[in-house]
Amino acid sequence: MSIFKWFKKDPAKKLQKEYLLKLEKAMHAQRNGNIREYSFLTAEAEAVREKLEALDSGRAEA
């Protein structure tokens, strides 16, 4: 193991944060009655979730 591994940022953390942020924005759009924006943000959040799951499954295999 390399000592420099500590300095690398975890891409899963970044994706998780992005996923939660999009879900929160979608929730606010829904509460404000903007269903079109809610649908768009929810779809984006699901795409990020799929990337996160693919990353996690890649780690499990390695």
PDB file of N, CA and C in Angstrom:
ATOM      1  N   MET A   1       0.838  -1.184   0.000  1.00  0.00           N
ATOM      2  CA  MET A   1       0.000   0.000   0.000  1.00  0.00           C
ATOM      3  C   MET A   1       0.881   1.245   0.000  1.00  0.00           C
ATOM      4  N   SER A   2       0.403   2.192  -0.676  1.00  0.00           N
ATOM      5  CA  SER A   2       1.129   3.440  -0.790  1.00  0.00           C
ATOM      6  C   SER A   2       0.691   4.412   0.286  1.00  0.00           C
ATOM      7  N   ILE A   3       1.630   5.173   0.770  1.00  0.00           N
ATOM      8  CA  ILE A   3       1.318   6.176   1.786  1.00  0.00           C
ATOM      9  C   ILE A   3       0.495   7.312   1.179  1.00  0.00           C
ATOM     10  N   PHE A   4       0.603   7.511  -0.129  1.00  0.00           N
ATOM     11  CA  PHE A   4      -0.110   8.597  -0.780  1.00  0.00           C
ATOM     12  C   PHE A   4      -1.584   8.279  -1.002  1.00  0.00           C
ATOM     13  N   LYS A   5      -1.997   7.069  -0.733  1.00  0.00           N
ATOM     14  CA  LYS A   5      -3.399   6.697  -0.869  1.00  0.00           C
ATOM     15  C   LYS A   5      -4.273   7.525   0.073  1.00  0.00           C
ATOM     16  N   TRP A   6      -3.707   7.948   1.166  1.00  0.00           N
ATOM     17  CA  TRP A   6      -4.457   8.757   2.134  1.00  0.00           C
ATOM     18  C   TRP A   6      -4.887  10.094   1.557  1.00  0.00           C
ATOM     19  N   PHE A   7      -4.105  10.600   0.616  1.00  0.00           N
ATOM     20  CA  PHE A   7      -4.381  11.929   0.074  1.00  0.00           C
ATOM     21  C   PHE A   7      -5.401  11.912  -1.058  1.00  0.00           C
ATOM     22  N   LYS A   8      -5.713  10.734  -1.570  1.00  0.00           N
ATOM     23  CA  LYS A   8      -6.709  10.642  -2.632  1.00  0.00           C
ATOM     24  C   LYS A   8      -8.098  10.801  -2.046  1.00  0.00           C
ATOM     25  N   LYS A   9      -8.926  11.529  -2.762  1.00  0.00           N
ATOM     26  CA  LYS A   9     -10.307  11.711  -2.312  1.00  0.00           C
ATOM     27  C   LYS A   9     -11.137  10.512  -2.752  1.00  0.00           C
ATOM     28  N   ASP A  10     -12.080  10.164  -1.937  1.00  0.00           N
ATOM     29  CA  ASP A  10     -12.947   9.036  -2.213  1.00  0.00           C
ATOM     30  C   ASP A  10     -14.053   9.472  -3.175  1.00  0.00           C
ATOM     31  N   PRO A  11     -14.107   8.903  -4.380  1.00  0.00           N
ATOM     32  CA  PRO A  11     -15.151   9.314  -5.334  1.00  0.00           C
ATOM     33  C   PRO A  11     -16.548   8.919  -4.860  1.00  0.00           C
ATOM     34  N   ALA A  12     -16.653   7.887  -4.041  1.00  0.00           N
ATOM     35  CA  ALA A  12     -17.967   7.475  -3.535  1.00  0.00           C
ATOM     36  C   ALA A  12     -18.549   8.545  -2.616  1.00  0.00           C
ATOM     37  N   LYS A  13     -17.705   9.173  -1.819  1.00  0.00           N
ATOM     38  CA  LYS A  13     -18.190  10.245  -0.935  1.00  0.00           C
ATOM     39  C   LYS A  13     -18.745  11.405  -1.752  1.00  0.00           C
ATOM     40  N   LYS A  14     -18.044  11.750  -2.823  1.00  0.00           N
ATOM     41  CA  LYS A  14     -18.486  12.855  -3.672  1.00  0.00           C
ATOM     42  C   LYS A  14     -19.831  12.527  -4.322  1.00  0.00           C
ATOM     43  N   LEU A  15     -19.962  11.302  -4.829  1.00  0.00           N
ATOM     44  CA  LEU A  15     -21.225  10.904  -5.455  1.00  0.00           C
ATOM     45  C   LEU A  15     -22.358  10.850  -4.440  1.00  0.00           C
ATOM     46  N   GLN A  16     -22.077  10.371  -3.238  1.00  0.00           N
ATOM     47  CA  GLN A  16     -23.098  10.306  -2.188  1.00  0.00           C
ATOM     48  C   GLN A  16     -23.586  11.709  -1.829  1.00  0.00           C
ATOM     49  N   LYS A  17     -22.650  12.642  -1.727  1.00  0.00           N
ATOM     50  CA  LYS A  17     -23.009  14.019  -1.394  1.00  0.00           C
ATOM     51  C   LYS A  17     -23.848  14.647  -2.516  1.00  0.00           C
ATOM     52  N   GLU A  18     -23.450  14.388  -3.770  1.00  0.00           N
ATOM     53  CA  GLU A  18     -24.199  14.905  -4.914  1.00  0.00           C
ATOM     54  C   GLU A  18     -25.605  14.314  -4.958  1.00  0.00           C
ATOM     55  N   TYR A  19     -25.720  13.027  -4.676  1.00  0.00           N
ATOM     56  CA  TYR A  19     -27.008  12.338  -4.671  1.00  0.00           C
ATOM     57  C   TYR A  19     -27.941  12.951  -3.629  1.00  0.00           C
ATOM     58  N   LEU A  20     -27.442  13.126  -2.423  1.00  0.00           N
ATOM     59  CA  LEU A  20     -28.274  13.694  -1.359  1.00  0.00           C
ATOM     60  C   LEU A  20     -28.665  15.137  -1.647  1.00  0.00           C
ATOM     61  N   LEU A  21     -27.771  15.898  -2.244  1.00  0.00           N
ATOM     62  CA  LEU A  21     -28.063  17.288  -2.581  1.00  0.00           C
ATOM     63  C   LEU A  21     -29.171  17.369  -3.636  1.00  0.00           C
ATOM     64  N   LYS A  22     -29.106  16.503  -4.636  1.00  0.00           N
ATOM     65  CA  LYS A  22     -30.147  16.507  -5.674  1.00  0.00           C
ATOM     66  C   LYS A  22     -31.498  16.081  -5.101  1.00  0.00           C
ATOM     67  N   LEU A  23     -31.490  15.107  -4.198  1.00  0.00           N
ATOM     68  CA  LEU A  23     -32.748  14.695  -3.569  1.00  0.00           C
ATOM     69  C   LEU A  23     -33.346  15.822  -2.732  1.00  0.00           C
ATOM     70  N   GLU A  24     -32.491  16.561  -2.052  1.00  0.00           N
ATOM     71  CA  GLU A  24     -32.988  17.679  -1.239  1.00  0.00           C
ATOM     72  C   GLU A  24     -33.577  18.774  -2.132  1.00  0.00           C
ATOM     73  N   LYS A  25     -32.887  19.075  -3.226  1.00  0.00           N
ATOM     74  CA  LYS A  25     -33.409  20.077  -4.153  1.00  0.00           C
ATOM     75  C   LYS A  25     -34.742  19.621  -4.755  1.00  0.00           C
ATOM     76  N   ALA A  26     -34.831  18.329  -5.054  1.00  0.00           N
ATOM     77  CA  ALA A  26     -36.070  17.780  -5.606  1.00  0.00           C
ATOM     78  C   ALA A  26     -37.208  17.906  -4.596  1.00  0.00           C
ATOM     79  N   MET A  27     -36.917  17.645  -3.338  1.00  0.00           N
ATOM     80  CA  MET A  27     -37.933  17.755  -2.295  1.00  0.00           C
ATOM     81  C   MET A  27     -38.456  19.192  -2.201  1.00  0.00           C
ATOM     82  N   HIS A  28     -37.543  20.155  -2.261  1.00  0.00           N
ATOM     83  CA  HIS A  28     -37.962  21.558  -2.190  1.00  0.00           C
ATOM     84  C   HIS A  28     -38.778  21.957  -3.421  1.00  0.00           C
ATOM     85  N   ALA A  29     -38.392  21.447  -4.575  1.00  0.00           N
ATOM     86  CA  ALA A  29     -39.160  21.747  -5.788  1.00  0.00           C
ATOM     87  C   ALA A  29     -40.568  21.172  -5.678  1.00  0.00           C
ATOM     88  N   GLN A  30     -40.677  19.963  -5.139  1.00  0.00           N
ATOM     89  CA  GLN A  30     -41.986  19.334  -4.984  1.00  0.00           C
ATOM     90  C   GLN A  30     -42.845  20.129  -3.998  1.00  0.00           C
ATOM     91  N   ARG A  31     -42.249  20.559  -2.918  1.00  0.00           N
ATOM     92  CA  ARG A  31     -43.004  21.332  -1.920  1.00  0.00           C
ATOM     93  C   ARG A  31     -43.482  22.663  -2.477  1.00  0.00           C
ATOM     94  N   ASN A  32     -42.703  23.213  -3.410  1.00  0.00           N
ATOM     95  CA  ASN A  32     -43.091  24.494  -4.017  1.00  0.00           C
ATOM     96  C   ASN A  32     -44.058  24.311  -5.178  1.00  0.00           C
ATOM     97  N   GLY A  33     -44.397  23.063  -5.502  1.00  0.00           N
ATOM     98  CA  GLY A  33     -45.356  22.806  -6.557  1.00  0.00           C
ATOM     99  C   GLY A  33     -44.752  22.732  -7.946  1.00  0.00           C
ATOM    100  N   ASN A  34     -43.426  22.726  -8.034  1.00  0.00           N
ATOM    101  CA  ASN A  34     -42.760  22.658  -9.334  1.00  0.00           C
ATOM    102  C   ASN A  34     -42.472  21.187  -9.654  1.00  0.00           C
ATOM    103  N   ILE A  35     -43.485  20.498 -10.151  1.00  0.00           N
ATOM    104  CA  ILE A  35     -43.399  19.056 -10.372  1.00  0.00           C
ATOM    105  C   ILE A  35     -42.451  18.723 -11.516  1.00  0.00           C
ATOM    106  N   ARG A  36     -42.385  19.557 -12.509  1.00  0.00           N
ATOM    107  CA  ARG A  36     -41.473  19.310 -13.633  1.00  0.00           C
ATOM    108  C   ARG A  36     -40.020  19.309 -13.153  1.00  0.00           C
ATOM    109  N   GLU A  37     -39.644  20.299 -12.359  1.00  0.00           N
ATOM    110  CA  GLU A  37     -38.285  20.357 -11.826  1.00  0.00           C
ATOM    111  C   GLU A  37     -38.031  19.191 -10.868  1.00  0.00           C
ATOM    112  N   TYR A  38     -39.046  18.836 -10.085  1.00  0.00           N
ATOM    113  CA  TYR A  38     -38.937  17.694  -9.183  1.00  0.00           C
ATOM    114  C   TYR A  38     -38.626  16.419  -9.963  1.00  0.00           C
ATOM    115  N   SER A  39     -39.319  16.193 -11.057  1.00  0.00           N
ATOM    116  CA  SER A  39     -39.102  15.005 -11.875  1.00  0.00           C
ATOM    117  C   SER A  39     -37.699  15.002 -12.477  1.00  0.00           C
ATOM    118  N   PHE A  40     -37.269  16.145 -12.957  1.00  0.00           N
ATOM    119  CA  PHE A  40     -35.941  16.268 -13.559  1.00  0.00           C
ATOM    120  C   PHE A  40     -34.851  15.980 -12.529  1.00  0.00           C
ATOM    121  N   LEU A  41     -34.966  16.580 -11.353  1.00  0.00           N
ATOM    122  CA  LEU A  41     -33.954  16.388 -10.308  1.00  0.00           C
ATOM    123  C   LEU A  41     -33.954  14.960  -9.769  1.00  0.00           C
ATOM    124  N   THR A  42     -35.124  14.355  -9.673  1.00  0.00           N
ATOM    125  CA  THR A  42     -35.209  12.971  -9.220  1.00  0.00           C
ATOM    126  C   THR A  42     -34.531  12.039 -10.219  1.00  0.00           C
ATOM    127  N   ALA A  43     -34.729  12.291 -11.497  1.00  0.00           N
ATOM    128  CA  ALA A  43     -34.085  11.474 -12.532  1.00  0.00           C
ATOM    129  C   ALA A  43     -32.561  11.628 -12.465  1.00  0.00           C
ATOM    130  N   GLU A  44     -32.092  12.852 -12.255  1.00  0.00           N
ATOM    131  CA  GLU A  44     -30.653  13.081 -12.119  1.00  0.00           C
ATOM    132  C   GLU A  44     -30.104  12.362 -10.884  1.00  0.00           C
ATOM    133  N   ALA A  45     -30.845  12.406  -9.788  1.00  0.00           N
ATOM    134  CA  ALA A  45     -30.418  11.748  -8.560  1.00  0.00           C
ATOM    135  C   ALA A  45     -30.324  10.240  -8.759  1.00  0.00           C
ATOM    136  N   GLU A  46     -31.262   9.674  -9.487  1.00  0.00           N
ATOM    137  CA  GLU A  46     -31.236   8.229  -9.749  1.00  0.00           C
ATOM    138  C   GLU A  46     -30.047   7.848 -10.622  1.00  0.00           C
ATOM    139  N   ALA A  47     -29.680   8.702 -11.564  1.00  0.00           N
ATOM    140  CA  ALA A  47     -28.507   8.447 -12.396  1.00  0.00           C
ATOM    141  C   ALA A  47     -27.236   8.453 -11.541  1.00  0.00           C
ATOM    142  N   VAL A  48     -27.160   9.380 -10.600  1.00  0.00           N
ATOM    143  CA  VAL A  48     -26.012   9.442  -9.699  1.00  0.00           C
ATOM    144  C   VAL A  48     -25.988   8.209  -8.797  1.00  0.00           C
ATOM    145  N   ARG A  49     -27.164   7.764  -8.349  1.00  0.00           N
ATOM    146  CA  ARG A  49     -27.241   6.576  -7.498  1.00  0.00           C
ATOM    147  C   ARG A  49     -26.745   5.342  -8.245  1.00  0.00           C
ATOM    148  N   GLU A  50     -27.097   5.249  -9.518  1.00  0.00           N
ATOM    149  CA  GLU A  50     -26.637   4.120 -10.326  1.00  0.00           C
ATOM    150  C   GLU A  50     -25.121   4.128 -10.469  1.00  0.00           C
ATOM    151  N   LYS A  51     -24.541   5.307 -10.664  1.00  0.00           N
ATOM    152  CA  LYS A  51     -23.079   5.420 -10.729  1.00  0.00           C
ATOM    153  C   LYS A  51     -22.452   4.980  -9.410  1.00  0.00           C
ATOM    154  N   LEU A  52     -23.065   5.398  -8.311  1.00  0.00           N
ATOM    155  CA  LEU A  52     -22.560   5.048  -6.983  1.00  0.00           C
ATOM    156  C   LEU A  52     -22.618   3.537  -6.759  1.00  0.00           C
ATOM    157  N   GLU A  53     -23.716   2.919  -7.165  1.00  0.00           N
ATOM    158  CA  GLU A  53     -23.847   1.471  -7.018  1.00  0.00           C
ATOM    159  C   GLU A  53     -22.834   0.742  -7.896  1.00  0.00           C
ATOM    160  N   ALA A  54     -22.593   1.240  -9.096  1.00  0.00           N
ATOM    161  CA  ALA A  54     -21.605   0.626  -9.987  1.00  0.00           C
ATOM    162  C   ALA A  54     -20.206   0.732  -9.385  1.00  0.00           C
ATOM    163  N   LEU A  55     -19.919   1.858  -8.784  1.00  0.00           N
ATOM    164  CA  LEU A  55     -18.625   2.055  -8.137  1.00  0.00           C
ATOM    165  C   LEU A  55     -18.467   1.116  -6.959  1.00  0.00           C
ATOM    166  N   ASP A  56     -19.522   0.973  -6.163  1.00  0.00           N
ATOM    167  CA  ASP A  56     -19.468   0.085  -5.012  1.00  0.00           C
ATOM    168  C   ASP A  56     -19.350  -1.382  -5.429  1.00  0.00           C
ATOM    169  N   SER A  57     -20.042  -1.770  -6.483  1.00  0.00           N
ATOM    170  CA  SER A  57     -19.951  -3.163  -6.931  1.00  0.00           C
ATOM    171  C   SER A  57     -18.567  -3.439  -7.525  1.00  0.00           C
ATOM    172  N   GLY A  58     -17.955  -2.439  -8.145  1.00  0.00           N
ATOM    173  CA  GLY A  58     -16.595  -2.581  -8.659  1.00  0.00           C
ATOM    174  C   GLY A  58     -15.582  -2.766  -7.552  1.00  0.00           C
ATOM    175  N   ARG A  59     -15.819  -2.115  -6.439  1.00  0.00           N
ATOM    176  CA  ARG A  59     -14.933  -2.255  -5.279  1.00  0.00           C
ATOM    177  C   ARG A  59     -15.083  -3.621  -4.632  1.00  0.00           C
ATOM    178  N   ALA A  60     -16.309  -4.133  -4.634  1.00  0.00           N
ATOM    179  CA  ALA A  60     -16.565  -5.430  -4.008  1.00  0.00           C
ATOM    180  C   ALA A  60     -15.886  -6.552  -4.792  1.00  0.00           C
ATOM    181  N   GLU A  61     -15.806  -6.402  -6.116  1.00  0.00           N
ATOM    182  CA  GLU A  61     -15.183  -7.420  -6.945  1.00  0.00           C
ATOM    183  C   GLU A  61     -13.672  -7.376  -6.846  1.00  0.00           C
ATOM    184  N   ALA A  62     -13.115  -6.199  -6.603  1.00  0.00           N
ATOM    185  CA  ALA A  62     -11.647  -6.049  -6.559  1.00  0.00           C
ATOM    186  C   ALA A  62     -11.044  -6.546  -5.293  1.00  0.00           C
TER     187      ALA A  62
END
